[in-house]
Amino acid sequence: MELEITTERADGVCMMSLSGEVDVYTAPRLKESLIEQIESGCARIIVDLEGVGFIDSSGLGVLVGGLRRAKERDGTIRLVCTRDNILKIFRITGLDKVFAIFPEAGEAREF
């Protein structure tokens, strides 16, 4: 399955909405997108995972790497997710303690 990434920027916050699967094949596209946003001056990023049906360790690694890069520029990455199967992966790996995860984008925008 493919990964679709749409990005919008408003008030210094970049919103990236993902749709599809984030796996070993699609994670490089996500990494490229995250780096592009951060390098272009947007270090406050919201990644909306509502359209993601599956994420593997390579996808998690890309998100962690993006968070590290954003923090180097005094930014952060926040996640939007209510899907139980995706949230379970974040809980199992302990990444729910690393990322701020919100049920809706409006809450995540309040930096």
C-alpha atoms as a PDB file:
ATOM      1  CA  MET A   1       0.000   0.000   0.000  1.00  0.00           C
ATOM      2  CA  GLU A   2       1.152   3.532  -0.705  1.00  0.00           C
ATOM      3  CA  LEU A   3       1.669   6.384   1.706  1.00  0.00           C
ATOM      4  CA  GLU A   4       0.122   9.743   0.931  1.00  0.00           C
ATOM      5  CA  ILE A   5       1.512  12.802   2.690  1.00  0.00           C
ATOM      6  CA  THR A   6      -0.204  16.169   2.601  1.00  0.00           C
ATOM      7  CA  THR A   7       1.374  19.173   4.271  1.00  0.00           C
ATOM      8  CA  GLU A   8       0.024  22.559   5.211  1.00  0.00           C
ATOM      9  CA  ARG A   9       1.666  25.384   7.106  1.00  0.00           C
ATOM     10  CA  ALA A  10      -0.095  27.970   9.250  1.00  0.00           C
ATOM     11  CA  ASP A  11       1.048  30.216  12.092  1.00  0.00           C
ATOM     12  CA  GLY A  12       4.500  28.606  12.256  1.00  0.00           C
ATOM     13  CA  VAL A  13       3.104  25.094  12.600  1.00  0.00           C
ATOM     14  CA  CYS A  14       3.381  22.427   9.915  1.00  0.00           C
ATOM     15  CA  MET A  15       0.574  19.882   9.736  1.00  0.00           C
ATOM     16  CA  MET A  16       1.451  16.634   7.989  1.00  0.00           C
ATOM     17  CA  SER A  17      -1.463  14.284   7.332  1.00  0.00           C
ATOM     18  CA  LEU A  18      -0.537  10.705   6.512  1.00  0.00           C
ATOM     19  CA  SER A  19      -2.716   8.158   4.782  1.00  0.00           C
ATOM     20  CA  GLY A  20      -1.781   4.548   4.081  1.00  0.00           C
ATOM     21  CA  GLU A  21       0.987   2.461   5.613  1.00  0.00           C
ATOM     22  CA  VAL A  22       4.285   3.590   7.100  1.00  0.00           C
ATOM     23  CA  ASP A  23       6.682   0.707   6.598  1.00  0.00           C
ATOM     24  CA  VAL A  24      10.174  -0.082   5.362  1.00  0.00           C
ATOM     25  CA  TYR A  25       9.128   0.872   1.812  1.00  0.00           C
ATOM     26  CA  THR A  26       7.348   4.152   2.567  1.00  0.00           C
ATOM     27  CA  ALA A  27       9.332   5.392   5.597  1.00  0.00           C
ATOM     28  CA  PRO A  28      12.014   7.050   3.402  1.00  0.00           C
ATOM     29  CA  ARG A  29       9.329   9.321   1.880  1.00  0.00           C
ATOM     30  CA  LEU A  30       8.148  10.305   5.357  1.00  0.00           C
ATOM     31  CA  LYS A  31      11.747  10.984   6.425  1.00  0.00           C
ATOM     32  CA  GLU A  32      12.322  13.149   3.364  1.00  0.00           C
ATOM     33  CA  SER A  33       9.126  15.106   4.057  1.00  0.00           C
ATOM     34  CA  LEU A  34       9.974  15.659   7.731  1.00  0.00           C
ATOM     35  CA  ILE A  35      13.507  16.818   6.920  1.00  0.00           C
ATOM     36  CA  GLU A  36      12.179  19.137   4.226  1.00  0.00           C
ATOM     37  CA  GLN A  37       9.754  20.770   6.669  1.00  0.00           C
ATOM     38  CA  ILE A  38      12.352  21.163   9.412  1.00  0.00           C
ATOM     39  CA  GLU A  39      15.077  22.433   7.080  1.00  0.00           C
ATOM     40  CA  SER A  40      12.679  25.002   5.627  1.00  0.00           C
ATOM     41  CA  GLY A  41      12.223  26.520   9.081  1.00  0.00           C
ATOM     42  CA  CYS A  42       9.204  24.681  10.443  1.00  0.00           C
ATOM     43  CA  ALA A  43      10.332  22.892  13.595  1.00  0.00           C
ATOM     44  CA  ARG A  44       6.873  22.682  15.186  1.00  0.00           C
ATOM     45  CA  ILE A  45       5.227  19.793  13.410  1.00  0.00           C
ATOM     46  CA  ILE A  46       1.977  17.925  13.897  1.00  0.00           C
ATOM     47  CA  VAL A  47       1.814  14.507  12.277  1.00  0.00           C
ATOM     48  CA  ASP A  48      -1.767  13.300  11.825  1.00  0.00           C
ATOM     49  CA  LEU A  49      -1.814   9.486  11.881  1.00  0.00           C
ATOM     50  CA  GLU A  50      -5.593   9.100  11.606  1.00  0.00           C
ATOM     51  CA  GLY A  51      -5.290   7.782   8.046  1.00  0.00           C
ATOM     52  CA  VAL A  52      -2.518   5.313   8.878  1.00  0.00           C
ATOM     53  CA  GLY A  53      -3.540   1.675   9.030  1.00  0.00           C
ATOM     54  CA  PHE A  54      -0.105   0.266   9.841  1.00  0.00           C
ATOM     55  CA  ILE A  55       3.258   1.513  11.104  1.00  0.00           C
ATOM     56  CA  ASP A  56       6.365  -0.589  11.638  1.00  0.00           C
ATOM     57  CA  SER A  57       9.680  -0.013  13.397  1.00  0.00           C
ATOM     58  CA  SER A  58      11.163   1.823  10.428  1.00  0.00           C
ATOM     59  CA  GLY A  59       8.287   4.307  10.558  1.00  0.00           C
ATOM     60  CA  LEU A  60       8.725   4.737  14.301  1.00  0.00           C
ATOM     61  CA  GLY A  61      12.446   5.306  13.750  1.00  0.00           C
ATOM     62  CA  VAL A  62      11.725   8.050  11.227  1.00  0.00           C
ATOM     63  CA  LEU A  63       9.414   9.803  13.694  1.00  0.00           C
ATOM     64  CA  VAL A  64      12.009   9.572  16.487  1.00  0.00           C
ATOM     65  CA  GLY A  65      14.723  10.892  14.161  1.00  0.00           C
ATOM     66  CA  GLY A  66      12.453  13.735  13.090  1.00  0.00           C
ATOM     67  CA  LEU A  67      11.719  14.598  16.714  1.00  0.00           C
ATOM     68  CA  ARG A  68      15.437  14.745  17.493  1.00  0.00           C
ATOM     69  CA  ARG A  69      16.062  16.991  14.482  1.00  0.00           C
ATOM     70  CA  ALA A  70      13.129  19.266  15.419  1.00  0.00           C
ATOM     71  CA  LYS A  71      14.352  19.561  19.026  1.00  0.00           C
ATOM     72  CA  GLU A  72      17.773  20.663  17.746  1.00  0.00           C
ATOM     73  CA  ARG A  73      15.918  23.688  16.364  1.00  0.00           C
ATOM     74  CA  ASP A  74      13.864  24.239  19.541  1.00  0.00           C
ATOM     75  CA  GLY A  75      10.842  22.540  17.989  1.00  0.00           C
ATOM     76  CA  THR A  76       8.888  19.354  18.507  1.00  0.00           C
ATOM     77  CA  ILE A  77       6.706  16.802  16.790  1.00  0.00           C
ATOM     78  CA  ARG A  78       3.241  16.108  18.133  1.00  0.00           C
ATOM     79  CA  LEU A  79       1.046  13.274  16.951  1.00  0.00           C
ATOM     80  CA  VAL A  80      -2.685  13.051  16.323  1.00  0.00           C
ATOM     81  CA  CYS A  81      -4.037   9.526  16.662  1.00  0.00           C
ATOM     82  CA  THR A  82      -7.097   7.732  17.998  1.00  0.00           C
ATOM     83  CA  ARG A  83      -6.609   4.407  16.179  1.00  0.00           C
ATOM     84  CA  ASP A  84      -6.207   1.651  18.778  1.00  0.00           C
ATOM     85  CA  ASN A  85      -3.859  -0.499  16.678  1.00  0.00           C
ATOM     86  CA  ILE A  86      -1.451   2.423  16.145  1.00  0.00           C
ATOM     87  CA  LEU A  87      -1.682   3.673  19.740  1.00  0.00           C
ATOM     88  CA  LYS A  88      -0.932   0.143  20.966  1.00  0.00           C
ATOM     89  CA  ILE A  89       2.378   0.164  19.071  1.00  0.00           C
ATOM     90  CA  PHE A  90       3.342   3.463  20.692  1.00  0.00           C
ATOM     91  CA  ARG A  91       2.423   2.097  24.145  1.00  0.00           C
ATOM     92  CA  ILE A  92       4.314  -1.197  23.656  1.00  0.00           C
ATOM     93  CA  THR A  93       7.472   0.604  22.522  1.00  0.00           C
ATOM     94  CA  GLY A  94       7.229   3.281  25.220  1.00  0.00           C
ATOM     95  CA  LEU A  95       7.051   6.002  22.573  1.00  0.00           C
ATOM     96  CA  ASP A  96       3.802   7.244  24.084  1.00  0.00           C
ATOM     97  CA  LYS A  97       6.092   8.748  26.757  1.00  0.00           C
ATOM     98  CA  VAL A  98       8.323  10.363  24.101  1.00  0.00           C
ATOM     99  CA  PHE A  99       5.644  11.896  21.872  1.00  0.00           C
ATOM    100  CA  ALA A 100       2.715  14.044  22.895  1.00  0.00           C
ATOM    101  CA  ILE A 101      -0.277  12.250  21.340  1.00  0.00           C
ATOM    102  CA  PHE A 102      -3.586  14.054  20.912  1.00  0.00           C
ATOM    103  CA  PRO A 103      -7.056  12.854  19.852  1.00  0.00           C
ATOM    104  CA  GLU A 104      -7.568  15.789  17.465  1.00  0.00           C
ATOM    105  CA  ALA A 105      -5.471  18.306  15.566  1.00  0.00           C
ATOM    106  CA  GLY A 106      -7.029  21.317  17.309  1.00  0.00           C
ATOM    107  CA  GLU A 107      -5.628  20.232  20.670  1.00  0.00           C
ATOM    108  CA  ALA A 108      -2.218  19.443  19.188  1.00  0.00           C
ATOM    109  CA  ARG A 109      -1.943  22.976  17.732  1.00  0.00           C
ATOM    110  CA  GLU A 110      -1.805  24.560  21.200  1.00  0.00           C
ATOM    111  CA  PHE A 111       1.988  24.680  21.541  1.00  0.00           C
END
